[in-house]
N, C-alpha and C. Protein backbone atom coordinates (compact mmCIF):
# COMPACT_ATOMS: atom_id res chain seq x y z
N LEU A 1 0.81 -1.21 0.00
CA LEU A 1 0.00 0.00 0.00
C LEU A 1 0.85 1.27 0.00
N PHE A 2 1.98 1.21 0.71
CA PHE A 2 2.86 2.37 0.81
C PHE A 2 4.09 2.18 -0.06
N THR A 3 4.53 3.26 -0.67
CA THR A 3 5.81 3.26 -1.37
C THR A 3 6.56 4.50 -0.92
N GLY A 4 7.83 4.56 -1.23
CA GLY A 4 8.64 5.70 -0.85
C GLY A 4 8.50 6.86 -1.81
N GLN A 5 9.20 7.93 -1.48
CA GLN A 5 9.18 9.10 -2.36
C GLN A 5 10.08 8.89 -3.57
N SER A 6 10.95 7.90 -3.49
CA SER A 6 11.77 7.47 -4.62
C SER A 6 12.15 6.02 -4.35
N SER A 7 12.92 5.43 -5.23
CA SER A 7 13.28 4.01 -5.06
C SER A 7 14.18 3.77 -3.86
N ASP A 8 14.85 4.81 -3.36
CA ASP A 8 15.75 4.61 -2.23
C ASP A 8 15.47 5.54 -1.05
N HIS A 9 14.29 6.19 -1.02
CA HIS A 9 13.99 7.13 0.07
C HIS A 9 12.51 7.04 0.47
N PHE A 10 12.26 6.62 1.70
CA PHE A 10 10.89 6.47 2.18
C PHE A 10 10.39 7.71 2.92
N ASN A 11 11.25 8.39 3.67
CA ASN A 11 10.92 9.60 4.42
C ASN A 11 9.77 9.38 5.41
N PRO A 12 9.97 8.51 6.41
CA PRO A 12 8.89 8.13 7.33
C PRO A 12 8.41 9.25 8.26
N ASN A 13 9.17 10.30 8.43
CA ASN A 13 8.77 11.38 9.33
C ASN A 13 8.08 12.54 8.63
N ALA A 14 7.96 12.45 7.32
CA ALA A 14 7.31 13.54 6.57
C ALA A 14 5.80 13.48 6.76
N PRO A 15 5.15 14.64 6.78
CA PRO A 15 3.68 14.64 6.83
C PRO A 15 3.11 13.95 5.59
N VAL A 16 1.92 13.42 5.71
CA VAL A 16 1.24 12.77 4.59
C VAL A 16 0.26 13.78 3.99
N SER A 17 0.42 14.04 2.70
CA SER A 17 -0.49 14.98 2.03
C SER A 17 -1.83 14.30 1.77
N ARG A 18 -2.82 15.11 1.48
CA ARG A 18 -4.15 14.57 1.20
C ARG A 18 -4.12 13.69 -0.05
N GLU A 19 -3.32 14.07 -1.07
CA GLU A 19 -3.26 13.23 -2.26
C GLU A 19 -2.50 11.94 -2.00
N GLU A 20 -1.48 11.98 -1.15
CA GLU A 20 -0.78 10.75 -0.79
C GLU A 20 -1.70 9.80 -0.02
N ALA A 21 -2.50 10.36 0.88
CA ALA A 21 -3.46 9.54 1.62
C ALA A 21 -4.47 8.92 0.66
N ALA A 22 -4.90 9.69 -0.33
CA ALA A 22 -5.85 9.18 -1.32
C ALA A 22 -5.27 8.01 -2.09
N VAL A 23 -3.98 8.07 -2.41
CA VAL A 23 -3.34 6.97 -3.15
C VAL A 23 -3.33 5.70 -2.30
N VAL A 24 -2.91 5.81 -1.04
CA VAL A 24 -2.85 4.64 -0.16
C VAL A 24 -4.24 4.06 0.06
N LEU A 25 -5.20 4.91 0.36
CA LEU A 25 -6.57 4.44 0.59
C LEU A 25 -7.19 3.88 -0.68
N GLY A 26 -6.88 4.51 -1.81
CA GLY A 26 -7.37 4.00 -3.09
C GLY A 26 -6.84 2.61 -3.38
N ARG A 27 -5.57 2.37 -3.07
CA ARG A 27 -4.99 1.03 -3.26
C ARG A 27 -5.71 0.00 -2.40
N LEU A 28 -6.05 0.38 -1.19
CA LEU A 28 -6.79 -0.53 -0.31
C LEU A 28 -8.18 -0.81 -0.87
N LEU A 29 -8.85 0.22 -1.36
CA LEU A 29 -10.17 0.02 -1.95
C LEU A 29 -10.10 -0.89 -3.18
N VAL A 30 -9.10 -0.69 -4.03
CA VAL A 30 -8.94 -1.55 -5.20
C VAL A 30 -8.68 -2.99 -4.77
N ALA A 31 -7.86 -3.18 -3.75
CA ALA A 31 -7.57 -4.53 -3.25
C ALA A 31 -8.84 -5.20 -2.72
N LYS A 32 -9.79 -4.39 -2.27
CA LYS A 32 -11.07 -4.92 -1.77
C LYS A 32 -12.13 -5.03 -2.86
N GLY A 33 -11.75 -4.76 -4.11
CA GLY A 33 -12.66 -4.96 -5.23
C GLY A 33 -13.40 -3.73 -5.70
N TYR A 34 -13.13 -2.56 -5.14
CA TYR A 34 -13.78 -1.34 -5.59
C TYR A 34 -13.23 -0.93 -6.95
N LYS A 35 -14.07 -0.31 -7.76
CA LYS A 35 -13.69 0.12 -9.11
C LYS A 35 -13.88 1.62 -9.27
N VAL A 36 -12.98 2.23 -10.02
CA VAL A 36 -13.10 3.64 -10.36
C VAL A 36 -14.21 3.79 -11.39
N LYS A 37 -15.13 4.73 -11.15
CA LYS A 37 -16.29 4.89 -12.03
C LYS A 37 -16.28 6.20 -12.80
N GLY A 38 -15.17 6.90 -12.80
CA GLY A 38 -15.13 8.18 -13.51
C GLY A 38 -13.70 8.55 -13.84
N ASP A 39 -13.53 9.83 -14.19
CA ASP A 39 -12.19 10.34 -14.45
C ASP A 39 -12.09 11.72 -13.80
N ALA A 40 -11.01 12.42 -14.06
CA ALA A 40 -10.79 13.72 -13.43
C ALA A 40 -11.94 14.69 -13.67
N SER A 41 -12.61 14.55 -14.81
CA SER A 41 -13.71 15.48 -15.10
C SER A 41 -14.92 15.27 -14.19
N THR A 42 -14.97 14.12 -13.51
CA THR A 42 -16.10 13.87 -12.60
C THR A 42 -15.85 14.39 -11.19
N LEU A 43 -14.62 14.84 -10.92
CA LEU A 43 -14.30 15.36 -9.59
C LEU A 43 -14.95 16.73 -9.38
N PRO A 44 -15.52 16.96 -8.21
CA PRO A 44 -16.24 18.22 -7.96
C PRO A 44 -15.36 19.35 -7.44
N TYR A 45 -14.04 19.24 -7.59
CA TYR A 45 -13.12 20.20 -6.98
C TYR A 45 -12.63 21.24 -7.98
N SER A 46 -12.50 22.47 -7.52
CA SER A 46 -12.02 23.55 -8.39
C SER A 46 -10.51 23.50 -8.58
N ASP A 47 -9.81 22.70 -7.77
CA ASP A 47 -8.35 22.62 -7.89
C ASP A 47 -7.87 21.28 -8.46
N VAL A 48 -8.68 20.65 -9.30
CA VAL A 48 -8.32 19.36 -9.91
C VAL A 48 -6.96 19.45 -10.60
N SER A 49 -6.67 20.57 -11.22
CA SER A 49 -5.40 20.71 -11.94
C SER A 49 -4.19 20.69 -11.00
N ASP A 50 -4.41 20.87 -9.71
CA ASP A 50 -3.31 20.81 -8.72
C ASP A 50 -3.03 19.39 -8.25
N ILE A 51 -3.90 18.44 -8.58
CA ILE A 51 -3.72 17.05 -8.15
C ILE A 51 -2.69 16.40 -9.06
N SER A 52 -1.67 15.78 -8.45
CA SER A 52 -0.62 15.12 -9.23
C SER A 52 -1.22 13.97 -10.03
N SER A 53 -0.68 13.75 -11.23
CA SER A 53 -1.21 12.71 -12.11
C SER A 53 -1.15 11.33 -11.45
N TRP A 54 -0.10 11.06 -10.66
CA TRP A 54 0.03 9.77 -9.99
C TRP A 54 -1.00 9.57 -8.89
N ALA A 55 -1.68 10.64 -8.48
CA ALA A 55 -2.65 10.56 -7.39
C ALA A 55 -4.10 10.58 -7.87
N LEU A 56 -4.32 10.85 -9.15
CA LEU A 56 -5.69 11.04 -9.66
C LEU A 56 -6.61 9.84 -9.40
N THR A 57 -6.15 8.64 -9.67
CA THR A 57 -7.01 7.48 -9.47
C THR A 57 -7.43 7.36 -8.00
N GLY A 58 -6.48 7.56 -7.10
CA GLY A 58 -6.80 7.50 -5.67
C GLY A 58 -7.78 8.58 -5.24
N VAL A 59 -7.59 9.78 -5.76
CA VAL A 59 -8.50 10.89 -5.42
C VAL A 59 -9.89 10.60 -5.96
N ILE A 60 -9.97 10.12 -7.19
CA ILE A 60 -11.27 9.80 -7.78
C ILE A 60 -11.98 8.72 -6.96
N LEU A 61 -11.27 7.65 -6.66
CA LEU A 61 -11.88 6.53 -5.94
C LEU A 61 -12.28 6.91 -4.52
N THR A 62 -11.42 7.60 -3.79
CA THR A 62 -11.77 7.97 -2.41
C THR A 62 -12.86 9.03 -2.37
N THR A 63 -12.94 9.85 -3.41
CA THR A 63 -14.03 10.83 -3.49
C THR A 63 -15.35 10.12 -3.80
N GLN A 64 -15.33 9.23 -4.80
CA GLN A 64 -16.58 8.55 -5.18
C GLN A 64 -17.12 7.71 -4.03
N GLU A 65 -16.25 7.18 -3.18
CA GLU A 65 -16.69 6.35 -2.05
C GLU A 65 -16.94 7.16 -0.78
N GLY A 66 -16.73 8.48 -0.84
CA GLY A 66 -16.99 9.34 0.31
C GLY A 66 -15.96 9.24 1.41
N ILE A 67 -14.78 8.71 1.10
CA ILE A 67 -13.74 8.54 2.11
C ILE A 67 -13.02 9.87 2.35
N LEU A 68 -12.59 10.52 1.30
CA LEU A 68 -11.99 11.85 1.39
C LEU A 68 -12.94 12.84 0.73
N ARG A 69 -13.06 13.98 1.35
CA ARG A 69 -13.97 15.01 0.84
C ARG A 69 -13.23 16.32 0.71
N GLY A 70 -13.77 17.20 -0.08
CA GLY A 70 -13.15 18.50 -0.28
C GLY A 70 -13.47 19.47 0.85
N VAL A 71 -12.81 20.61 0.75
CA VAL A 71 -13.01 21.70 1.70
C VAL A 71 -13.35 22.94 0.88
N ASP A 72 -14.56 23.45 1.05
CA ASP A 72 -15.00 24.63 0.30
C ASP A 72 -14.81 24.47 -1.20
N GLY A 73 -15.13 23.28 -1.72
CA GLY A 73 -15.05 23.04 -3.15
C GLY A 73 -13.68 22.71 -3.69
N MET A 74 -12.70 22.56 -2.79
CA MET A 74 -11.34 22.23 -3.22
C MET A 74 -10.88 20.95 -2.54
N PHE A 75 -9.99 20.21 -3.21
CA PHE A 75 -9.43 19.00 -2.61
C PHE A 75 -8.20 19.31 -1.76
N LEU A 76 -7.46 20.34 -2.11
CA LEU A 76 -6.23 20.73 -1.40
C LEU A 76 -5.23 19.57 -1.36
N PRO A 77 -4.80 19.10 -2.52
CA PRO A 77 -4.00 17.88 -2.61
C PRO A 77 -2.66 17.91 -1.88
N GLN A 78 -1.99 19.03 -1.84
CA GLN A 78 -0.68 19.08 -1.20
C GLN A 78 -0.75 19.42 0.29
N LYS A 79 -1.93 19.72 0.79
CA LYS A 79 -2.09 20.04 2.22
C LYS A 79 -1.89 18.76 3.03
N ALA A 80 -1.19 18.89 4.15
CA ALA A 80 -0.99 17.74 5.02
C ALA A 80 -2.32 17.30 5.62
N LEU A 81 -2.51 16.01 5.71
CA LEU A 81 -3.69 15.45 6.35
C LEU A 81 -3.58 15.71 7.84
N THR A 82 -4.59 16.34 8.43
CA THR A 82 -4.55 16.62 9.86
C THR A 82 -4.95 15.38 10.66
N ARG A 83 -4.68 15.41 11.95
CA ARG A 83 -5.07 14.29 12.81
C ARG A 83 -6.59 14.11 12.79
N ALA A 84 -7.32 15.22 12.78
CA ALA A 84 -8.79 15.14 12.75
C ALA A 84 -9.26 14.50 11.45
N GLU A 85 -8.65 14.91 10.32
CA GLU A 85 -9.01 14.32 9.04
C GLU A 85 -8.66 12.83 9.02
N ALA A 86 -7.50 12.49 9.58
CA ALA A 86 -7.09 11.09 9.61
C ALA A 86 -8.09 10.25 10.39
N ALA A 87 -8.57 10.76 11.52
CA ALA A 87 -9.55 10.03 12.32
C ALA A 87 -10.85 9.83 11.53
N LEU A 88 -11.30 10.87 10.84
CA LEU A 88 -12.51 10.76 10.02
C LEU A 88 -12.33 9.75 8.89
N VAL A 89 -11.17 9.79 8.25
CA VAL A 89 -10.90 8.89 7.14
C VAL A 89 -10.88 7.44 7.60
N VAL A 90 -10.25 7.19 8.74
CA VAL A 90 -10.23 5.82 9.28
C VAL A 90 -11.65 5.35 9.58
N ASP A 91 -12.46 6.21 10.16
CA ASP A 91 -13.85 5.86 10.45
C ASP A 91 -14.63 5.57 9.17
N ARG A 92 -14.45 6.42 8.17
CA ARG A 92 -15.16 6.20 6.89
C ARG A 92 -14.69 4.92 6.20
N MET A 93 -13.39 4.64 6.27
CA MET A 93 -12.87 3.40 5.67
C MET A 93 -13.43 2.19 6.39
N MET A 94 -13.48 2.24 7.72
CA MET A 94 -14.01 1.13 8.49
C MET A 94 -15.48 0.88 8.12
N ASN A 95 -16.23 1.95 7.95
CA ASN A 95 -17.65 1.81 7.60
C ASN A 95 -17.85 1.40 6.16
N SER A 96 -16.94 1.75 5.29
CA SER A 96 -17.05 1.39 3.88
C SER A 96 -16.52 -0.01 3.62
N VAL A 97 -15.24 -0.19 3.87
CA VAL A 97 -14.58 -1.47 3.60
C VAL A 97 -14.94 -2.52 4.65
N GLY A 98 -15.04 -2.08 5.89
CA GLY A 98 -15.34 -3.00 6.97
C GLY A 98 -16.81 -3.27 7.17
N GLY A 99 -17.65 -2.63 6.39
CA GLY A 99 -19.09 -2.86 6.49
C GLY A 99 -19.70 -2.29 7.76
N GLY A 100 -18.99 -1.34 8.41
CA GLY A 100 -19.53 -0.70 9.60
C GLY A 100 -19.37 -1.52 10.86
N GLN A 101 -18.55 -2.53 10.80
CA GLN A 101 -18.38 -3.40 11.97
C GLN A 101 -17.22 -2.95 12.82
């Protein structure tokens, strides 16, 4: 689920951006059989062009499943995921992938 920032650098103490979180969570959703049902044009965010190309699938999938949500119409892809957001995301993942158990 996790990869480094390059082939020889993981950077474990760096904050996790919202788009990085989307990639990891998207990989988990795909592993559980979830499918992407749209493309970048289906995203409701005004800052879609700021989302890195390597993160688009994860952002699309986590958005369509309600795991990650925007803030005031923006995804804010490079913003660090806060502890509060992380707690919400874990709860949403548990309810989505875990069936609410």
